[in-house]
PDB file of N, CA and C in Angstrom:
ATOM      1  N   MET A   1       0.850  -1.170   0.000  1.00  0.00           N
ATOM      2  CA  MET A   1       0.000   0.000   0.000  1.00  0.00           C
ATOM      3  C   MET A   1       0.896   1.233   0.000  1.00  0.00           C
ATOM      4  N   VAL A   2       0.582   2.161  -0.867  1.00  0.00           N
ATOM      5  CA  VAL A   2       1.267   3.449  -0.914  1.00  0.00           C
ATOM      6  C   VAL A   2       0.283   4.492  -0.425  1.00  0.00           C
ATOM      7  N   SER A   3       0.634   5.201   0.624  1.00  0.00           N
ATOM      8  CA  SER A   3      -0.244   6.222   1.182  1.00  0.00           C
ATOM      9  C   SER A   3       0.466   7.560   1.199  1.00  0.00           C
ATOM     10  N   ASP A   4      -0.287   8.619   0.901  1.00  0.00           N
ATOM     11  CA  ASP A   4       0.293   9.955   0.918  1.00  0.00           C
ATOM     12  C   ASP A   4      -0.317  10.841   2.000  1.00  0.00           C
ATOM     13  N   ILE A   5      -0.881  10.230   3.022  1.00  0.00           N
ATOM     14  CA  ILE A   5      -1.383  11.027   4.137  1.00  0.00           C
ATOM     15  C   ILE A   5      -0.408  10.899   5.303  1.00  0.00           C
ATOM     16  N   HIS A   6      -0.517  11.803   6.236  1.00  0.00           N
ATOM     17  CA  HIS A   6       0.450  11.867   7.331  1.00  0.00           C
ATOM     18  C   HIS A   6      -0.043  11.145   8.581  1.00  0.00           C
ATOM     19  N   VAL A   7      -0.478   9.921   8.376  1.00  0.00           N
ATOM     20  CA  VAL A   7      -0.917   9.100   9.500  1.00  0.00           C
ATOM     21  C   VAL A   7      -0.567   7.647   9.164  1.00  0.00           C
ATOM     22  N   ASP A   8      -0.313   6.878  10.190  1.00  0.00           N
ATOM     23  CA  ASP A   8       0.018   5.464  10.000  1.00  0.00           C
ATOM     24  C   ASP A   8      -1.279   4.673   9.820  1.00  0.00           C
ATOM     25  N   LEU A   9      -1.499   4.163   8.625  1.00  0.00           N
ATOM     26  CA  LEU A   9      -2.730   3.439   8.316  1.00  0.00           C
ATOM     27  C   LEU A   9      -2.703   1.980   8.741  1.00  0.00           C
ATOM     28  N   ARG A  10      -1.576   1.491   9.216  1.00  0.00           N
ATOM     29  CA  ARG A  10      -1.480   0.066   9.552  1.00  0.00           C
ATOM     30  C   ARG A  10      -2.477  -0.348  10.625  1.00  0.00           C
ATOM     31  N   GLU A  11      -2.616   0.453  11.666  1.00  0.00           N
ATOM     32  CA  GLU A  11      -3.558   0.112  12.737  1.00  0.00           C
ATOM     33  C   GLU A  11      -5.000   0.197  12.239  1.00  0.00           C
ATOM     34  N   HIS A  12      -5.297   1.190  11.414  1.00  0.00           N
ATOM     35  CA  HIS A  12      -6.639   1.307  10.838  1.00  0.00           C
ATOM     36  C   HIS A  12      -6.955   0.085   9.982  1.00  0.00           C
ATOM     37  N   ALA A  13      -5.988  -0.370   9.198  1.00  0.00           N
ATOM     38  CA  ALA A  13      -6.181  -1.553   8.357  1.00  0.00           C
ATOM     39  C   ALA A  13      -6.385  -2.794   9.221  1.00  0.00           C
ATOM     40  N   ARG A  14      -5.622  -2.886  10.313  1.00  0.00           N
ATOM     41  CA  ARG A  14      -5.777  -4.040  11.215  1.00  0.00           C
ATOM     42  C   ARG A  14      -7.174  -4.053  11.827  1.00  0.00           C
ATOM     43  N   LEU A  15      -7.609  -2.901  12.326  1.00  0.00           N
ATOM     44  CA  LEU A  15      -8.934  -2.812  12.952  1.00  0.00           C
ATOM     45  C   LEU A  15     -10.051  -3.081  11.953  1.00  0.00           C
ATOM     46  N   ALA A  16      -9.829  -2.723  10.705  1.00  0.00           N
ATOM     47  CA  ALA A  16     -10.831  -2.952   9.656  1.00  0.00           C
ATOM     48  C   ALA A  16     -10.789  -4.379   9.127  1.00  0.00           C
ATOM     49  N   GLY A  17      -9.763  -5.134   9.499  1.00  0.00           N
ATOM     50  CA  GLY A  17      -9.657  -6.518   9.067  1.00  0.00           C
ATOM     51  C   GLY A  17      -9.134  -6.698   7.654  1.00  0.00           C
ATOM     52  N   VAL A  18      -8.487  -5.672   7.109  1.00  0.00           N
ATOM     53  CA  VAL A  18      -7.966  -5.788   5.744  1.00  0.00           C
ATOM     54  C   VAL A  18      -6.443  -5.839   5.696  1.00  0.00           C
ATOM     55  N   ASP A  19      -5.793  -5.767   6.833  1.00  0.00           N
ATOM     56  CA  ASP A  19      -4.327  -5.761   6.857  1.00  0.00           C
ATOM     57  C   ASP A  19      -3.731  -7.032   6.258  1.00  0.00           C
ATOM     58  N   ARG A  20      -4.448  -8.126   6.333  1.00  0.00           N
ATOM     59  CA  ARG A  20      -3.924  -9.385   5.786  1.00  0.00           C
ATOM     60  C   ARG A  20      -3.802  -9.347   4.264  1.00  0.00           C
ATOM     61  N   TYR A  21      -4.454  -8.392   3.623  1.00  0.00           N
ATOM     62  CA  TYR A  21      -4.386  -8.262   2.170  1.00  0.00           C
ATOM     63  C   TYR A  21      -3.256  -7.341   1.714  1.00  0.00           C
ATOM     64  N   ILE A  22      -2.555  -6.735   2.638  1.00  0.00           N
ATOM     65  CA  ILE A  22      -1.512  -5.762   2.313  1.00  0.00           C
ATOM     66  C   ILE A  22      -0.161  -6.380   2.627  1.00  0.00           C
ATOM     67  N   GLY A  23       0.639  -6.586   1.580  1.00  0.00           N
ATOM     68  CA  GLY A  23       1.918  -7.264   1.736  1.00  0.00           C
ATOM     69  C   GLY A  23       3.052  -6.345   2.133  1.00  0.00           C
ATOM     70  N   ALA A  24       2.919  -5.068   1.836  1.00  0.00           N
ATOM     71  CA  ALA A  24       3.986  -4.112   2.152  1.00  0.00           C
ATOM     72  C   ALA A  24       3.379  -2.721   2.253  1.00  0.00           C
ATOM     73  N   TRP A  25       4.030  -1.898   3.039  1.00  0.00           N
ATOM     74  CA  TRP A  25       3.569  -0.530   3.260  1.00  0.00           C
ATOM     75  C   TRP A  25       4.634   0.465   2.815  1.00  0.00           C
ATOM     76  N   THR A  26       4.225   1.486   2.079  1.00  0.00           N
ATOM     77  CA  THR A  26       5.062   2.640   1.779  1.00  0.00           C
ATOM     78  C   THR A  26       4.260   3.850   2.201  1.00  0.00           C
ATOM     79  N   LEU A  27       4.691   4.475   3.276  1.00  0.00           N
ATOM     80  CA  LEU A  27       3.960   5.595   3.858  1.00  0.00           C
ATOM     81  C   LEU A  27       4.764   6.874   3.690  1.00  0.00           C
ATOM     82  N   SER A  28       4.140   7.849   3.068  1.00  0.00           N
ATOM     83  CA  SER A  28       4.857   9.072   2.716  1.00  0.00           C
ATOM     84  C   SER A  28       5.446   9.778   3.932  1.00  0.00           C
ATOM     85  N   TYR A  29       4.747   9.737   5.053  1.00  0.00           N
ATOM     86  CA  TYR A  29       5.272  10.445   6.220  1.00  0.00           C
ATOM     87  C   TYR A  29       6.562   9.799   6.736  1.00  0.00           C
ATOM     88  N   GLU A  30       6.747   8.518   6.479  1.00  0.00           N
ATOM     89  CA  GLU A  30       7.996   7.870   6.870  1.00  0.00           C
ATOM     90  C   GLU A  30       9.129   8.218   5.907  1.00  0.00           C
ATOM     91  N   LEU A  31       8.783   8.457   4.645  1.00  0.00           N
ATOM     92  CA  LEU A  31       9.791   8.778   3.633  1.00  0.00           C
ATOM     93  C   LEU A  31      10.080  10.274   3.537  1.00  0.00           C
ATOM     94  N   GLY A  32       9.140  11.099   4.000  1.00  0.00           N
ATOM     95  CA  GLY A  32       9.302  12.549   3.892  1.00  0.00           C
ATOM     96  C   GLY A  32       9.005  13.078   2.497  1.00  0.00           C
ATOM     97  N   ILE A  33       8.299  12.311   1.698  1.00  0.00           N
ATOM     98  CA  ILE A  33       7.875  12.716   0.356  1.00  0.00           C
ATOM     99  C   ILE A  33       6.447  12.245   0.137  1.00  0.00           C
ATOM    100  N   GLN A  34       5.782  12.825  -0.855  1.00  0.00           N
ATOM    101  CA  GLN A  34       4.405  12.444  -1.125  1.00  0.00           C
ATOM    102  C   GLN A  34       4.196  12.124  -2.590  1.00  0.00           C
ATOM    103  N   LYS A  35       3.120  11.368  -2.882  1.00  0.00           N
ATOM    104  CA  LYS A  35       2.702  11.178  -4.254  1.00  0.00           C
ATOM    105  C   LYS A  35       2.396  12.556  -4.826  1.00  0.00           C
ATOM    106  N   PRO A  36       2.717  12.845  -6.029  1.00  0.00           N
ATOM    107  CA  PRO A  36       3.097  11.968  -7.129  1.00  0.00           C
ATOM    108  C   PRO A  36       4.607  11.784  -7.296  1.00  0.00           C
ATOM    109  N   ASP A  37       5.404  12.124  -6.287  1.00  0.00           N
ATOM    110  CA  ASP A  37       6.854  11.942  -6.392  1.00  0.00           C
ATOM    111  C   ASP A  37       7.150  10.486  -6.754  1.00  0.00           C
ATOM    112  N   PRO A  38       7.826  10.251  -7.862  1.00  0.00           N
ATOM    113  CA  PRO A  38       8.123   8.871  -8.286  1.00  0.00           C
ATOM    114  C   PRO A  38       8.895   8.074  -7.242  1.00  0.00           C
ATOM    115  N   ALA A  39       9.612   8.754  -6.355  1.00  0.00           N
ATOM    116  CA  ALA A  39      10.383   8.047  -5.327  1.00  0.00           C
ATOM    117  C   ALA A  39       9.477   7.248  -4.394  1.00  0.00           C
ATOM    118  N   VAL A  40       8.255   7.703  -4.180  1.00  0.00           N
ATOM    119  CA  VAL A  40       7.307   6.960  -3.344  1.00  0.00           C
ATOM    120  C   VAL A  40       7.024   5.605  -3.985  1.00  0.00           C
ATOM    121  N   PHE A  41       6.756   5.638  -5.284  1.00  0.00           N
ATOM    122  CA  PHE A  41       6.461   4.401  -5.998  1.00  0.00           C
ATOM    123  C   PHE A  41       7.714   3.536  -6.130  1.00  0.00           C
ATOM    124  N   GLY A  42       8.855   4.180  -6.301  1.00  0.00           N
ATOM    125  CA  GLY A  42      10.115   3.451  -6.369  1.00  0.00           C
ATOM    126  C   GLY A  42      10.395   2.698  -5.082  1.00  0.00           C
ATOM    127  N   ASP A  43      10.082   3.319  -3.945  1.00  0.00           N
ATOM    128  CA  ASP A  43      10.266   2.653  -2.659  1.00  0.00           C
ATOM    129  C   ASP A  43       9.360   1.427  -2.560  1.00  0.00           C
ATOM    130  N   ALA A  44       8.125   1.569  -2.988  1.00  0.00           N
ATOM    131  CA  ALA A  44       7.192   0.436  -2.949  1.00  0.00           C
ATOM    132  C   ALA A  44       7.684  -0.697  -3.837  1.00  0.00           C
ATOM    133  N   LEU A  45       8.147  -0.352  -5.027  1.00  0.00           N
ATOM    134  CA  LEU A  45       8.658  -1.374  -5.943  1.00  0.00           C
ATOM    135  C   LEU A  45       9.868  -2.085  -5.356  1.00  0.00           C
ATOM    136  N   ALA A  46      10.772  -1.324  -4.753  1.00  0.00           N
ATOM    137  CA  ALA A  46      11.969  -1.920  -4.151  1.00  0.00           C
ATOM    138  C   ALA A  46      11.601  -2.831  -2.986  1.00  0.00           C
ATOM    139  N   THR A  47      10.648  -2.386  -2.163  1.00  0.00           N
ATOM    140  CA  THR A  47      10.213  -3.194  -1.025  1.00  0.00           C
ATOM    141  C   THR A  47       9.633  -4.528  -1.488  1.00  0.00           C
ATOM    142  N   LEU A  48       8.888  -4.491  -2.571  1.00  0.00           N
ATOM    143  CA  LEU A  48       8.262  -5.697  -3.097  1.00  0.00           C
ATOM    144  C   LEU A  48       9.161  -6.482  -4.048  1.00  0.00           C
ATOM    145  N   ASP A  49      10.297  -5.867  -4.430  1.00  0.00           N
ATOM    146  CA  ASP A  49      11.213  -6.461  -5.405  1.00  0.00           C
ATOM    147  C   ASP A  49      10.477  -6.782  -6.708  1.00  0.00           C
ATOM    148  N   VAL A  50       9.769  -5.761  -7.208  1.00  0.00           N
ATOM    149  CA  VAL A  50       8.981  -5.886  -8.426  1.00  0.00           C
ATOM    150  C   VAL A  50       9.437  -4.816  -9.415  1.00  0.00           C
ATOM    151  N   ALA A  51       9.595  -5.187 -10.659  1.00  0.00           N
ATOM    152  CA  ALA A  51       9.947  -4.230 -11.711  1.00  0.00           C
ATOM    153  C   ALA A  51       8.718  -3.385 -12.049  1.00  0.00           C
ATOM    154  N   PRO A  52       8.917  -2.113 -12.404  1.00  0.00           N
ATOM    155  CA  PRO A  52       7.784  -1.233 -12.715  1.00  0.00           C
ATOM    156  C   PRO A  52       6.832  -1.809 -13.759  1.00  0.00           C
ATOM    157  N   GLU A  53       7.368  -2.463 -14.767  1.00  0.00           N
ATOM    158  CA  GLU A  53       6.501  -2.999 -15.823  1.00  0.00           C
ATOM    159  C   GLU A  53       5.661  -4.186 -15.358  1.00  0.00           C
ATOM    160  N   ASN A  54       5.961  -4.709 -14.178  1.00  0.00           N
ATOM    161  CA  ASN A  54       5.190  -5.817 -13.610  1.00  0.00           C
ATOM    162  C   ASN A  54       4.277  -5.378 -12.474  1.00  0.00           C
ATOM    163  N   ALA A  55       4.117  -4.062 -12.314  1.00  0.00           N
ATOM    164  CA  ALA A  55       3.313  -3.523 -11.222  1.00  0.00           C
ATOM    165  C   ALA A  55       2.121  -2.747 -11.778  1.00  0.00           C
ATOM    166  N   LEU A  56       1.083  -2.636 -10.985  1.00  0.00           N
ATOM    167  CA  LEU A  56      -0.093  -1.860 -11.338  1.00  0.00           C
ATOM    168  C   LEU A  56      -0.440  -0.951 -10.172  1.00  0.00           C
ATOM    169  N   MET A  57      -0.480   0.347 -10.423  1.00  0.00           N
ATOM    170  CA  MET A  57      -0.907   1.318  -9.416  1.00  0.00           C
ATOM    171  C   MET A  57      -2.409   1.484  -9.547  1.00  0.00           C
ATOM    172  N   VAL A  58      -3.133   1.243  -8.469  1.00  0.00           N
ATOM    173  CA  VAL A  58      -4.579   1.428  -8.457  1.00  0.00           C
ATOM    174  C   VAL A  58      -4.873   2.585  -7.515  1.00  0.00           C
ATOM    175  N   GLY A  59      -5.553   3.588  -8.032  1.00  0.00           N
ATOM    176  CA  GLY A  59      -5.861   4.753  -7.222  1.00  0.00           C
ATOM    177  C   GLY A  59      -7.096   5.466  -7.714  1.00  0.00           C
ATOM    178  N   ASP A  60      -7.366   6.624  -7.111  1.00  0.00           N
ATOM    179  CA  ASP A  60      -8.562   7.377  -7.495  1.00  0.00           C
ATOM    180  C   ASP A  60      -8.243   8.781  -8.002  1.00  0.00           C
ATOM    181  N   ASN A  61      -6.968   9.078  -8.200  1.00  0.00           N
ATOM    182  CA  ASN A  61      -6.583  10.409  -8.659  1.00  0.00           C
ATOM    183  C   ASN A  61      -5.511  10.266  -9.731  1.00  0.00           C
ATOM    184  N   ALA A  62      -5.853  10.683 -10.940  1.00  0.00           N
ATOM    185  CA  ALA A  62      -4.935  10.496 -12.064  1.00  0.00           C
ATOM    186  C   ALA A  62      -3.612  11.209 -11.843  1.00  0.00           C
ATOM    187  N   TYR A  63      -3.644  12.378 -11.231  1.00  0.00           N
ATOM    188  CA  TYR A  63      -2.391  13.113 -11.013  1.00  0.00           C
ATOM    189  C   TYR A  63      -1.578  12.487  -9.877  1.00  0.00           C
ATOM    190  N   ARG A  64      -2.160  12.422  -8.678  1.00  0.00           N
ATOM    191  CA  ARG A  64      -1.417  11.911  -7.514  1.00  0.00           C
ATOM    192  C   ARG A  64      -1.015  10.453  -7.686  1.00  0.00           C
ATOM    193  N   ASP A  65      -1.931   9.646  -8.161  1.00  0.00           N
ATOM    194  CA  ASP A  65      -1.688   8.208  -8.217  1.00  0.00           C
ATOM    195  C   ASP A  65      -1.067   7.754  -9.533  1.00  0.00           C
ATOM    196  N   GLY A  66      -1.392   8.419 -10.614  1.00  0.00           N
ATOM    197  CA  GLY A  66      -0.942   7.961 -11.915  1.00  0.00           C
ATOM    198  C   GLY A  66       0.344   8.579 -12.414  1.00  0.00           C
ATOM    199  N   ALA A  67       0.564   9.861 -12.143  1.00  0.00           N
ATOM    200  CA  ALA A  67       1.701  10.571 -12.736  1.00  0.00           C
ATOM    201  C   ALA A  67       3.051  10.020 -12.286  1.00  0.00           C
ATOM    202  N   GLY A  68       3.249   9.891 -10.996  1.00  0.00           N
ATOM    203  CA  GLY A  68       4.531   9.388 -10.493  1.00  0.00           C
ATOM    204  C   GLY A  68       4.782   7.957 -10.892  1.00  0.00           C
ATOM    205  N   ALA A  69       3.734   7.156 -10.863  1.00  0.00           N
ATOM    206  CA  ALA A  69       3.859   5.751 -11.267  1.00  0.00           C
ATOM    207  C   ALA A  69       4.241   5.663 -12.741  1.00  0.00           C
ATOM    208  N   ALA A  70       3.616   6.497 -13.562  1.00  0.00           N
ATOM    209  CA  ALA A  70       3.901   6.482 -15.006  1.00  0.00           C
ATOM    210  C   ALA A  70       5.348   6.869 -15.292  1.00  0.00           C
ATOM    211  N   GLU A  71       5.888   7.805 -14.512  1.00  0.00           N
ATOM    212  CA  GLU A  71       7.293   8.202 -14.710  1.00  0.00           C
ATOM    213  C   GLU A  71       8.244   7.032 -14.548  1.00  0.00           C
ATOM    214  N   LEU A  72       7.862   6.057 -13.731  1.00  0.00           N
ATOM    215  CA  LEU A  72       8.707   4.885 -13.509  1.00  0.00           C
ATOM    216  C   LEU A  72       8.395   3.752 -14.471  1.00  0.00           C
ATOM    217  N   GLY A  73       7.365   3.924 -15.294  1.00  0.00           N
ATOM    218  CA  GLY A  73       7.001   2.872 -16.240  1.00  0.00           C
ATOM    219  C   GLY A  73       5.940   1.922 -15.732  1.00  0.00           C
ATOM    220  N   MET A  74       5.260   2.302 -14.641  1.00  0.00           N
ATOM    221  CA  MET A  74       4.176   1.481 -14.109  1.00  0.00           C
ATOM    222  C   MET A  74       2.880   1.801 -14.838  1.00  0.00           C
ATOM    223  N   SER A  75       2.021   0.819 -14.975  1.00  0.00           N
ATOM    224  CA  SER A  75       0.663   1.044 -15.456  1.00  0.00           C
ATOM    225  C   SER A  75      -0.180   1.509 -14.288  1.00  0.00           C
ATOM    226  N   SER A  76      -1.247   2.231 -14.585  1.00  0.00           N
ATOM    227  CA  SER A  76      -2.156   2.704 -13.544  1.00  0.00           C
ATOM    228  C   SER A  76      -3.595   2.399 -13.915  1.00  0.00           C
ATOM    229  N   LEU A  77      -4.369   2.093 -12.917  1.00  0.00           N
ATOM    230  CA  LEU A  77      -5.806   1.938 -13.049  1.00  0.00           C
ATOM    231  C   LEU A  77      -6.422   2.987 -12.138  1.00  0.00           C
ATOM    232  N   ILE A  78      -7.086   3.967 -12.724  1.00  0.00           N
ATOM    233  CA  ILE A  78      -7.686   5.038 -11.939  1.00  0.00           C
ATOM    234  C   ILE A  78      -9.168   4.745 -11.784  1.00  0.00           C
ATOM    235  N   LEU A  79      -9.594   4.561 -10.548  1.00  0.00           N
ATOM    236  CA  LEU A  79     -10.985   4.269 -10.235  1.00  0.00           C
ATOM    237  C   LEU A  79     -11.708   5.581  -9.972  1.00  0.00           C
ATOM    238  N   THR A  80     -12.751   5.829 -10.715  1.00  0.00           N
ATOM    239  CA  THR A  80     -13.508   7.056 -10.506  1.00  0.00           C
ATOM    240  C   THR A  80     -14.405   6.893  -9.291  1.00  0.00           C
ATOM    241  N   VAL A  81     -14.702   8.003  -8.673  1.00  0.00           N
ATOM    242  CA  VAL A  81     -15.589   8.009  -7.519  1.00  0.00           C
ATOM    243  C   VAL A  81     -17.006   8.274  -8.033  1.00  0.00           C
ATOM    244  N   PRO A  82     -17.944   7.368  -7.769  1.00  0.00           N
ATOM    245  CA  PRO A  82     -19.309   7.557  -8.277  1.00  0.00           C
ATOM    246  C   PRO A  82     -19.947   8.847  -7.764  1.00  0.00           C
ATOM    247  N   VAL A  83     -20.796   9.436  -8.569  1.00  0.00           N
ATOM    248  CA  VAL A  83     -21.525  10.641  -8.175  1.00  0.00           C
ATOM    249  C   VAL A  83     -22.310  10.354  -6.906  1.00  0.00           C
ATOM    250  N   GLY A  84     -22.264  11.273  -5.983  1.00  0.00           N
ATOM    251  CA  GLY A  84     -22.997  11.126  -4.732  1.00  0.00           C
ATOM    252  C   GLY A  84     -22.208  10.466  -3.622  1.00  0.00           C
ATOM    253  N   VAL A  85     -21.060   9.905  -3.936  1.00  0.00           N
ATOM    254  CA  VAL A  85     -20.227   9.271  -2.915  1.00  0.00           C
ATOM    255  C   VAL A  85     -19.272  10.324  -2.368  1.00  0.00           C
ATOM    256  N   THR A  86     -19.380  10.583  -1.095  1.00  0.00           N
ATOM    257  CA  THR A  86     -18.524  11.599  -0.484  1.00  0.00           C
ATOM    258  C   THR A  86     -17.512  10.985   0.470  1.00  0.00           C
ATOM    259  N   ARG A  87     -17.766   9.788   0.927  1.00  0.00           N
ATOM    260  CA  ARG A  87     -16.842   9.139   1.853  1.00  0.00           C
ATOM    261  C   ARG A  87     -15.688   8.547   1.070  1.00  0.00           C
ATOM    262  N   ARG A  88     -14.465   8.812   1.534  1.00  0.00           N
ATOM    263  CA  ARG A  88     -13.276   8.318   0.854  1.00  0.00           C
ATOM    264  C   ARG A  88     -12.334   7.739   1.894  1.00  0.00           C
ATOM    265  N   GLY A  89     -11.236   7.196   1.441  1.00  0.00           N
ATOM    266  CA  GLY A  89     -10.232   6.686   2.354  1.00  0.00           C
ATOM    267  C   GLY A  89     -10.421   5.218   2.668  1.00  0.00           C
ATOM    268  N   LEU A  90      -9.612   4.730   3.617  1.00  0.00           N
ATOM    269  CA  LEU A  90      -9.603   3.314   3.956  1.00  0.00           C
ATOM    270  C   LEU A  90     -10.969   2.831   4.435  1.00  0.00           C
ATOM    271  N   GLY A  91     -11.649   3.636   5.224  1.00  0.00           N
ATOM    272  CA  GLY A  91     -12.977   3.240   5.710  1.00  0.00           C
ATOM    273  C   GLY A  91     -13.952   2.999   4.571  1.00  0.00           C
ATOM    274  N   ALA A  92     -13.897   3.855   3.565  1.00  0.00           N
ATOM    275  CA  ALA A  92     -14.769   3.696   2.405  1.00  0.00           C
ATOM    276  C   ALA A  92     -14.413   2.436   1.628  1.00  0.00           C
ATOM    277  N   VAL A  93     -13.139   2.152   1.511  1.00  0.00           N
ATOM    278  CA  VAL A  93     -12.710   0.940   0.820  1.00  0.00           C
ATOM    279  C   VAL A  93     -13.223  -0.301   1.552  1.00  0.00           C
ATOM    280  N   VAL A  94     -13.090  -0.303   2.868  1.00  0.00           N
ATOM    281  CA  VAL A  94     -13.553  -1.442   3.659  1.00  0.00           C
ATOM    282  C   VAL A  94     -15.063  -1.608   3.479  1.00  0.00           C
ATOM    283  N   ASP A  95     -15.817  -0.505   3.527  1.00  0.00           N
ATOM    284  CA  ASP A  95     -17.264  -0.591   3.337  1.00  0.00           C
ATOM    285  C   ASP A  95     -17.608  -1.182   1.971  1.00  0.00           C
ATOM    286  N   LEU A  96     -16.903  -0.751   0.934  1.00  0.00           N
ATOM    287  CA  LEU A  96     -17.187  -1.274  -0.401  1.00  0.00           C
ATOM    288  C   LEU A  96     -16.827  -2.750  -0.513  1.00  0.00           C
ATOM    289  N   VAL A  97     -15.675  -3.137   0.039  1.00  0.00           N
ATOM    290  CA  VAL A  97     -15.242  -4.529  -0.032  1.00  0.00           C
ATOM    291  C   VAL A  97     -16.190  -5.434   0.766  1.00  0.00           C
ATOM    292  N   CYS A  98     -16.623  -4.961   1.907  1.00  0.00           N
ATOM    293  CA  CYS A  98     -17.469  -5.773   2.778  1.00  0.00           C
ATOM    294  C   CYS A  98     -18.948  -5.645   2.443  1.00  0.00           C
ATOM    295  N   GLY A  99     -19.300  -4.707   1.543  1.00  0.00           N
ATOM    296  CA  GLY A  99     -20.695  -4.520   1.168  1.00  0.00           C
ATOM    297  C   GLY A  99     -21.530  -3.867   2.245  1.00  0.00           C
ATOM    298  N   THR A 100     -20.884  -3.082   3.129  1.00  0.00           N
ATOM    299  CA  THR A 100     -21.620  -2.471   4.235  1.00  0.00           C
ATOM    300  C   THR A 100     -21.979  -1.013   4.006  1.00  0.00           C
ATOM    301  N   GLY A 101     -21.645  -0.470   2.886  1.00  0.00           N
ATOM    302  CA  GLY A 101     -21.971   0.943   2.672  1.00  0.00           C
ATOM    303  C   GLY A 101     -21.685   1.381   1.276  1.00  0.00           C
ATOM    304  N   ARG A 102     -21.971   2.638   1.038  1.00  0.00           N
ATOM    305  CA  ARG A 102     -21.738   3.238  -0.272  1.00  0.00           C
ATOM    306  C   ARG A 102     -21.159   4.609  -0.058  1.00  0.00           C
TER     307      ARG A 102
END
């Protein structure tokens, strides 16, 4: 998981029960840089020992999530936020995955 917020999401992921799906963490506040800086994505790739052409960045913002990844040669899948959906972040992802909210 690559995060560009200044909070440790590991505990939130554990409490939400999704931490088992996350193999590695790259947190911008630990690196002192934020997306779209390609170094954030480079750190994630190095941690996972994956070449950029074998990785897929999935995010919801073409600039923050796609631009830095593209500079390294990664593909990106940008998920649009449906009209009327205002909740974002890890909690929203958990709700969507678990079918408990919109």
